[in-house]
C-alpha atoms as a PDB file:
ATOM      1  CA  MET A   1      12.912 -11.786   7.231  1.00  0.00           C
ATOM      2  CA  LYS A   2      13.157 -12.214   3.452  1.00  0.00           C
ATOM      3  CA  THR A   3      13.555 -15.784   2.167  1.00  0.00           C
ATOM      4  CA  GLU A   4      13.731 -17.074  -1.385  1.00  0.00           C
ATOM      5  CA  VAL A   5      11.251 -19.869  -2.066  1.00  0.00           C
ATOM      6  CA  ASN A   6      10.716 -22.346  -4.877  1.00  0.00           C
ATOM      7  CA  PRO A   7       7.650 -21.078  -6.787  1.00  0.00           C
ATOM      8  CA  GLN A   8       6.636 -24.667  -7.585  1.00  0.00           C
ATOM      9  CA  GLU A   9       6.214 -25.351  -3.873  1.00  0.00           C
ATOM     10  CA  THR A  10       3.773 -22.462  -3.378  1.00  0.00           C
ATOM     11  CA  ASN A  11       0.212 -21.714  -4.431  1.00  0.00           C
ATOM     12  CA  ARG A  12       1.646 -19.183  -6.931  1.00  0.00           C
ATOM     13  CA  ALA A  13       3.315 -21.851  -9.090  1.00  0.00           C
ATOM     14  CA  GLN A  14       0.974 -21.515 -12.078  1.00  0.00           C
ATOM     15  CA  ALA A  15       0.894 -17.718 -11.842  1.00  0.00           C
ATOM     16  CA  PHE A  16       4.708 -17.626 -11.725  1.00  0.00           C
ATOM     17  CA  GLN A  17       4.906 -19.741 -14.876  1.00  0.00           C
ATOM     18  CA  LEU A  18       2.310 -17.633 -16.701  1.00  0.00           C
ATOM     19  CA  TRP A  19       3.217 -14.099 -15.675  1.00  0.00           C
ATOM     20  CA  MET A  20       6.828 -13.894 -14.486  1.00  0.00           C
ATOM     21  CA  LYS A  21       8.143 -13.081 -17.967  1.00  0.00           C
ATOM     22  CA  SER A  22       5.136 -11.087 -19.092  1.00  0.00           C
ATOM     23  CA  PRO A  23       6.108  -7.621 -20.415  1.00  0.00           C
ATOM     24  CA  MET A  24       3.156  -6.134 -18.503  1.00  0.00           C
ATOM     25  CA  PRO A  25       2.320  -8.280 -15.459  1.00  0.00           C
ATOM     26  CA  MET A  26       0.738  -5.491 -13.405  1.00  0.00           C
ATOM     27  CA  VAL A  27      -3.029  -5.335 -12.867  1.00  0.00           C
ATOM     28  CA  THR A  28      -4.942  -2.292 -11.587  1.00  0.00           C
ATOM     29  CA  LEU A  29      -8.297  -2.414  -9.810  1.00  0.00           C
ATOM     30  CA  THR A  30     -10.224   0.682  -8.709  1.00  0.00           C
ATOM     31  CA  LYS A  31     -12.871   0.980  -6.025  1.00  0.00           C
ATOM     32  CA  THR A  32     -14.656   3.940  -4.465  1.00  0.00           C
ATOM     33  CA  MET A  33     -14.357   3.753  -0.680  1.00  0.00           C
ATOM     34  CA  ASP A  34     -16.663   5.295   1.876  1.00  0.00           C
ATOM     35  CA  VAL A  35     -14.212   7.043   4.206  1.00  0.00           C
ATOM     36  CA  SER A  36     -16.781   8.969   6.255  1.00  0.00           C
ATOM     37  CA  HIS A  37     -15.907   7.198   9.518  1.00  0.00           C
ATOM     38  CA  LEU A  38     -12.184   7.649   8.941  1.00  0.00           C
ATOM     39  CA  VAL A  39     -12.477  11.366   8.206  1.00  0.00           C
ATOM     40  CA  ARG A  40     -14.532  11.927  11.361  1.00  0.00           C
ATOM     41  CA  TYR A  41     -12.091   9.886  13.451  1.00  0.00           C
ATOM     42  CA  SER A  42      -9.171  11.842  11.983  1.00  0.00           C
ATOM     43  CA  HIS A  43     -10.752  15.150  13.018  1.00  0.00           C
ATOM     44  CA  LYS A  44     -11.883  13.899  16.418  1.00  0.00           C
ATOM     45  CA  LYS A  45      -8.506  12.431  17.422  1.00  0.00           C
ATOM     46  CA  ASP A  46      -6.363  14.990  15.537  1.00  0.00           C
ATOM     47  CA  LEU A  47      -4.652  12.238  13.541  1.00  0.00           C
ATOM     48  CA  LYS A  48      -3.450  12.496   9.954  1.00  0.00           C
ATOM     49  CA  LEU A  49      -5.940  10.961   7.528  1.00  0.00           C
ATOM     50  CA  ASN A  50      -3.110   9.671   5.353  1.00  0.00           C
ATOM     51  CA  MET A  51      -1.603   7.852   8.339  1.00  0.00           C
ATOM     52  CA  LEU A  52      -4.965   6.255   9.158  1.00  0.00           C
ATOM     53  CA  LEU A  53      -5.408   5.083   5.570  1.00  0.00           C
ATOM     54  CA  CYS A  54      -1.904   3.617   5.543  1.00  0.00           C
ATOM     55  CA  TRP A  55      -2.600   1.743   8.786  1.00  0.00           C
ATOM     56  CA  CYS A  56      -5.867   0.365   7.377  1.00  0.00           C
ATOM     57  CA  ILE A  57      -4.022  -0.772   4.244  1.00  0.00           C
ATOM     58  CA  GLY A  58      -1.446  -2.617   6.347  1.00  0.00           C
ATOM     59  CA  LYS A  59      -4.119  -4.159   8.566  1.00  0.00           C
ATOM     60  CA  SER A  60      -6.147  -5.411   5.605  1.00  0.00           C
ATOM     61  CA  ALA A  61      -3.090  -6.723   3.756  1.00  0.00           C
ATOM     62  CA  SER A  62      -1.863  -8.575   6.852  1.00  0.00           C
ATOM     63  CA  LEU A  63      -4.940 -10.828   6.617  1.00  0.00           C
ATOM     64  CA  ILE A  64      -4.202 -11.943   3.046  1.00  0.00           C
ATOM     65  CA  PRO A  65      -1.338 -14.488   2.740  1.00  0.00           C
ATOM     66  CA  GLU A  66      -0.459 -13.494  -0.846  1.00  0.00           C
ATOM     67  CA  PHE A  67       0.786 -10.113   0.371  1.00  0.00           C
ATOM     68  CA  TYR A  68       3.700 -11.881   2.045  1.00  0.00           C
ATOM     69  CA  MET A  69       5.041 -13.172  -1.315  1.00  0.00           C
ATOM     70  CA  LEU A  70       6.738 -10.985  -3.921  1.00  0.00           C
ATOM     71  CA  PRO A  71       8.375 -11.745  -7.299  1.00  0.00           C
ATOM     72  CA  GLU A  72      11.679 -10.082  -7.986  1.00  0.00           C
ATOM     73  CA  ARG A  73      13.951 -10.552 -11.025  1.00  0.00           C
ATOM     74  CA  GLU A  74      12.453 -13.946 -11.947  1.00  0.00           C
ATOM     75  CA  ARG A  75      12.672 -15.179  -8.351  1.00  0.00           C
ATOM     76  CA  LEU A  76      10.021 -15.471  -5.652  1.00  0.00           C
ATOM     77  CA  PHE A  77      10.522 -14.300  -2.070  1.00  0.00           C
ATOM     78  CA  LYS A  78       8.537 -14.816   1.102  1.00  0.00           C
ATOM     79  CA  TYR A  79       8.432 -12.248   3.903  1.00  0.00           C
ATOM     80  CA  ASP A  80       7.224 -12.361   7.492  1.00  0.00           C
ATOM     81  CA  LYS A  81       6.697  -8.598   7.939  1.00  0.00           C
ATOM     82  CA  LEU A  82       4.889  -5.826   6.082  1.00  0.00           C
ATOM     83  CA  ALA A  83       5.709  -2.148   5.696  1.00  0.00           C
ATOM     84  CA  ILE A  84       3.939   0.798   4.110  1.00  0.00           C
ATOM     85  CA  ASN A  85       5.844   3.165   1.849  1.00  0.00           C
ATOM     86  CA  VAL A  86       4.793   6.811   1.722  1.00  0.00           C
ATOM     87  CA  ILE A  87       6.015   9.652  -0.475  1.00  0.00           C
ATOM     88  CA  VAL A  88       7.338  12.581   1.567  1.00  0.00           C
ATOM     89  CA  GLU A  89       7.912  16.140   0.397  1.00  0.00           C
ATOM     90  CA  ASN A  90      11.377  17.162   1.566  1.00  0.00           C
ATOM     91  CA  LYS A  91      12.728  20.544   2.641  1.00  0.00           C
ATOM     92  CA  MET A  92      14.158  21.142  -0.844  1.00  0.00           C
ATOM     93  CA  GLY A  93      10.748  20.894  -2.487  1.00  0.00           C
ATOM     94  CA  GLY A  94      11.419  17.441  -3.935  1.00  0.00           C
ATOM     95  CA  ILE A  95      10.144  14.047  -2.804  1.00  0.00           C
ATOM     96  CA  ASN A  96      11.617  11.029  -1.041  1.00  0.00           C
ATOM     97  CA  SER A  97      10.387   7.543  -0.193  1.00  0.00           C
ATOM     98  CA  CYS A  98       9.863   6.437   3.393  1.00  0.00           C
ATOM     99  CA  ASP A  99       9.147   2.869   4.536  1.00  0.00           C
ATOM    100  CA  ILE A 100       7.140   2.539   7.750  1.00  0.00           C
ATOM    101  CA  PRO A 101       6.904  -0.862   9.487  1.00  0.00           C
ATOM    102  CA  PHE A 102       3.319  -1.987   9.929  1.00  0.00           C
ATOM    103  CA  SER A 103       2.201  -2.539  13.516  1.00  0.00           C
ATOM    104  CA  GLU A 104      -1.125  -3.919  14.693  1.00  0.00           C
ATOM    105  CA  SER A 105      -1.010  -1.096  17.242  1.00  0.00           C
ATOM    106  CA  LEU A 106      -2.362   2.104  15.716  1.00  0.00           C
ATOM    107  CA  GLU A 107      -0.583   4.103  18.409  1.00  0.00           C
ATOM    108  CA  GLN A 108       2.788   2.547  17.555  1.00  0.00           C
ATOM    109  CA  PHE A 109       2.252   2.920  13.819  1.00  0.00           C
ATOM    110  CA  ASN A 110       1.364   6.591  14.266  1.00  0.00           C
ATOM    111  CA  LYS A 111       4.529   7.207  16.299  1.00  0.00           C
ATOM    112  CA  ASP A 112       6.673   5.517  13.635  1.00  0.00           C
ATOM    113  CA  TYR A 113       4.852   7.365  10.845  1.00  0.00           C
ATOM    114  CA  LEU A 114       5.410  10.791  12.387  1.00  0.00           C
ATOM    115  CA  ARG A 115       9.038  10.104  13.356  1.00  0.00           C
ATOM    116  CA  LEU A 116      10.156   8.501  10.092  1.00  0.00           C
ATOM    117  CA  THR A 117       8.410  10.921   7.727  1.00  0.00           C
ATOM    118  CA  LYS A 118       9.873  13.850   9.667  1.00  0.00           C
ATOM    119  CA  GLU A 119      13.381  12.350   9.482  1.00  0.00           C
ATOM    120  CA  THR A 120      12.991  11.700   5.755  1.00  0.00           C
ATOM    121  CA  ALA A 121      11.819  15.251   5.053  1.00  0.00           C
ATOM    122  CA  THR A 122      14.558  16.806   7.184  1.00  0.00           C
ATOM    123  CA  ARG A 123      17.441  14.697   5.905  1.00  0.00           C
ATOM    124  CA  ASN A 124      16.311  14.908   2.275  1.00  0.00           C
ATOM    125  CA  THR A 125      17.041  11.190   1.832  1.00  0.00           C
ATOM    126  CA  SER A 126      14.865   8.127   1.286  1.00  0.00           C
ATOM    127  CA  SER A 127      14.672   5.302   3.825  1.00  0.00           C
ATOM    128  CA  PHE A 128      13.994   1.669   2.962  1.00  0.00           C
ATOM    129  CA  LEU A 129      13.291  -1.529   4.913  1.00  0.00           C
ATOM    130  CA  GLU A 130      14.928  -4.365   2.978  1.00  0.00           C
ATOM    131  CA  ASP A 131      13.490  -7.284   4.969  1.00  0.00           C
ATOM    132  CA  TYR A 132       9.855  -6.148   4.727  1.00  0.00           C
ATOM    133  CA  MET A 133       7.304  -6.741   1.978  1.00  0.00           C
ATOM    134  CA  VAL A 134       6.564  -3.104   1.203  1.00  0.00           C
ATOM    135  CA  ILE A 135       3.184  -1.828   0.017  1.00  0.00           C
ATOM    136  CA  GLY A 136       3.634   1.414  -1.855  1.00  0.00           C
ATOM    137  CA  THR A 137       1.224   4.321  -1.465  1.00  0.00           C
ATOM    138  CA  SER A 138       0.849   7.636  -3.232  1.00  0.00           C
ATOM    139  CA  ALA A 139      -1.584  10.339  -2.102  1.00  0.00           C
ATOM    140  CA  MET A 140      -2.201  13.177  -4.544  1.00  0.00           C
ATOM    141  CA  VAL A 141      -4.535  15.181  -2.355  1.00  0.00           C
ATOM    142  CA  GLN A 142      -4.218  18.392  -4.350  1.00  0.00           C
ATOM    143  CA  THR A 143      -7.221  17.364  -6.453  1.00  0.00           C
ATOM    144  CA  GLU A 144     -10.047  14.850  -6.690  1.00  0.00           C
ATOM    145  CA  LEU A 145      -9.209  11.879  -8.916  1.00  0.00           C
ATOM    146  CA  ASP A 146     -11.321   9.087 -10.361  1.00  0.00           C
ATOM    147  CA  CYS A 147      -8.504   6.664 -11.156  1.00  0.00           C
ATOM    148  CA  ILE A 148      -4.706   6.409 -11.151  1.00  0.00           C
ATOM    149  CA  VAL A 149      -2.640   3.968 -13.208  1.00  0.00           C
ATOM    150  CA  ASN A 150       0.979   3.802 -12.132  1.00  0.00           C
ATOM    151  CA  GLN A 151       4.010   3.249 -14.357  1.00  0.00           C
ATOM    152  CA  TYR A 152       5.402  -0.275 -14.595  1.00  0.00           C
ATOM    153  CA  THR A 153       9.096  -0.980 -14.166  1.00  0.00           C
ATOM    154  CA  ASP A 154      10.793  -4.361 -13.774  1.00  0.00           C
ATOM    155  CA  LEU A 155      12.772  -2.835 -10.889  1.00  0.00           C
ATOM    156  CA  PHE A 156       9.635  -2.484  -8.754  1.00  0.00           C
ATOM    157  CA  SER A 157       6.994  -5.215  -8.488  1.00  0.00           C
ATOM    158  CA  ASN A 158       5.522  -4.216  -5.127  1.00  0.00           C
ATOM    159  CA  PRO A 159       1.781  -3.618  -4.766  1.00  0.00           C
ATOM    160  CA  MET A 160       0.743   0.028  -4.832  1.00  0.00           C
ATOM    161  CA  VAL A 161      -2.320   1.829  -3.434  1.00  0.00           C
ATOM    162  CA  MET A 162      -3.031   5.335  -4.737  1.00  0.00           C
ATOM    163  CA  TRP A 163      -5.650   8.003  -4.148  1.00  0.00           C
ATOM    164  CA  GLY A 164      -6.393  11.724  -4.481  1.00  0.00           C
ATOM    165  CA  LYS A 165      -8.547  14.107  -2.448  1.00  0.00           C
ATOM    166  CA  TYR A 166     -11.694  12.654  -0.908  1.00  0.00           C
ATOM    167  CA  LYS A 167     -15.045  13.821  -2.221  1.00  0.00           C
ATOM    168  CA  SER A 168     -17.805  15.268  -0.043  1.00  0.00           C
ATOM    169  CA  HIS A 169     -21.463  14.382  -0.618  1.00  0.00           C
ATOM    170  CA  TRP A 170     -23.423  16.050   2.193  1.00  0.00           C
ATOM    171  CA  PHE A 171     -22.447  13.958   5.254  1.00  0.00           C
ATOM    172  CA  LYS A 172     -20.742  11.230   3.221  1.00  0.00           C
ATOM    173  CA  LYS A 173     -17.065  11.218   2.205  1.00  0.00           C
ATOM    174  CA  THR A 174     -15.910   8.993  -0.645  1.00  0.00           C
ATOM    175  CA  LEU A 175     -12.451   8.226  -1.970  1.00  0.00           C
ATOM    176  CA  PRO A 176     -11.683   6.446  -5.266  1.00  0.00           C
ATOM    177  CA  VAL A 177      -8.717   4.135  -4.672  1.00  0.00           C
ATOM    178  CA  SER A 178      -6.504   2.476  -7.293  1.00  0.00           C
ATOM    179  CA  PHE A 179      -4.759  -0.767  -6.365  1.00  0.00           C
ATOM    180  CA  GLN A 180      -1.970  -2.060  -8.601  1.00  0.00           C
ATOM    181  CA  PHE A 181      -0.394  -5.480  -8.079  1.00  0.00           C
ATOM    182  CA  HIS A 182       1.859  -7.999  -9.821  1.00  0.00           C
ATOM    183  CA  HIS A 183      -0.118 -10.947 -11.189  1.00  0.00           C
ATOM    184  CA  VAL A 184       2.495 -13.396  -9.893  1.00  0.00           C
ATOM    185  CA  GLN A 185       1.914 -12.155  -6.352  1.00  0.00           C
ATOM    186  CA  MET A 186      -1.863 -12.487  -6.399  1.00  0.00           C
ATOM    187  CA  ASP A 187      -4.902 -12.975  -8.603  1.00  0.00           C
ATOM    188  CA  GLY A 188      -7.791 -10.599  -9.140  1.00  0.00           C
ATOM    189  CA  GLY A 189      -9.856 -12.412  -6.525  1.00  0.00           C
ATOM    190  CA  HIS A 190      -7.215 -11.841  -3.855  1.00  0.00           C
ATOM    191  CA  ALA A 191      -7.032  -8.166  -4.809  1.00  0.00           C
ATOM    192  CA  ALA A 192     -10.816  -7.836  -4.671  1.00  0.00           C
ATOM    193  CA  ASN A 193     -10.846  -9.449  -1.225  1.00  0.00           C
ATOM    194  CA  PHE A 194      -8.206  -6.973  -0.091  1.00  0.00           C
ATOM    195  CA  LEU A 195     -10.293  -4.004  -1.243  1.00  0.00           C
ATOM    196  CA  ASN A 196     -13.390  -5.418   0.469  1.00  0.00           C
ATOM    197  CA  GLN A 197     -11.411  -5.964   3.668  1.00  0.00           C
ATOM    198  CA  LEU A 198     -10.014  -2.435   3.419  1.00  0.00           C
ATOM    199  CA  GLN A 199     -13.543  -1.038   3.375  1.00  0.00           C
ATOM    200  CA  LYS A 200     -14.418  -3.120   6.460  1.00  0.00           C
ATOM    201  CA  ASP A 201     -11.349  -1.860   8.327  1.00  0.00           C
ATOM    202  CA  ILE A 202     -12.173   1.730   7.391  1.00  0.00           C
ATOM    203  CA  ASN A 203     -15.766   1.251   8.563  1.00  0.00           C
ATOM    204  CA  ALA A 204     -14.503  -0.086  11.898  1.00  0.00           C
ATOM    205  CA  PHE A 205     -13.549   3.445  12.878  1.00  0.00           C
END
């Protein structure tokens, strides 16, 4: 459910006042993740690495209350559900967006991921979940990247996690991750906690 809230009655009151009308309210943090466990689990269980990363992102975000708030057109909304957006290459060679509801169950999330991305690619149309706070992702696995800074548009204030191809160092696999967020939604400390939690959830595999 998506509900409009009074910013002054939330812990984002000061941030809303400071950053809602800022011409550039987005902040980007980068962190190199150790994804060795995740890569091994992906190979062992024959699961898509991108799906596993998306699930970890949803799991980590679900533990941070600020992810359930989102500014939009000078208003603040509260959500009770999260979704992960992925970019899908369609049958025409273009791309479409696909929102996947986050589930605590990895098995359920994987089923939804495979079904919805396949439908999006086949139908050549994007699919969106309006009542979910959506975390955007973008995986550019064609090459190794050190950092990604996304464009800013006032039509899209959702947080965004981006990465390229993981790097191999003997038995260790690392992945630089860029995390972009709207300063009204959260502060740098919240974002740092999210990235630390993401590493913990990746290590849990």
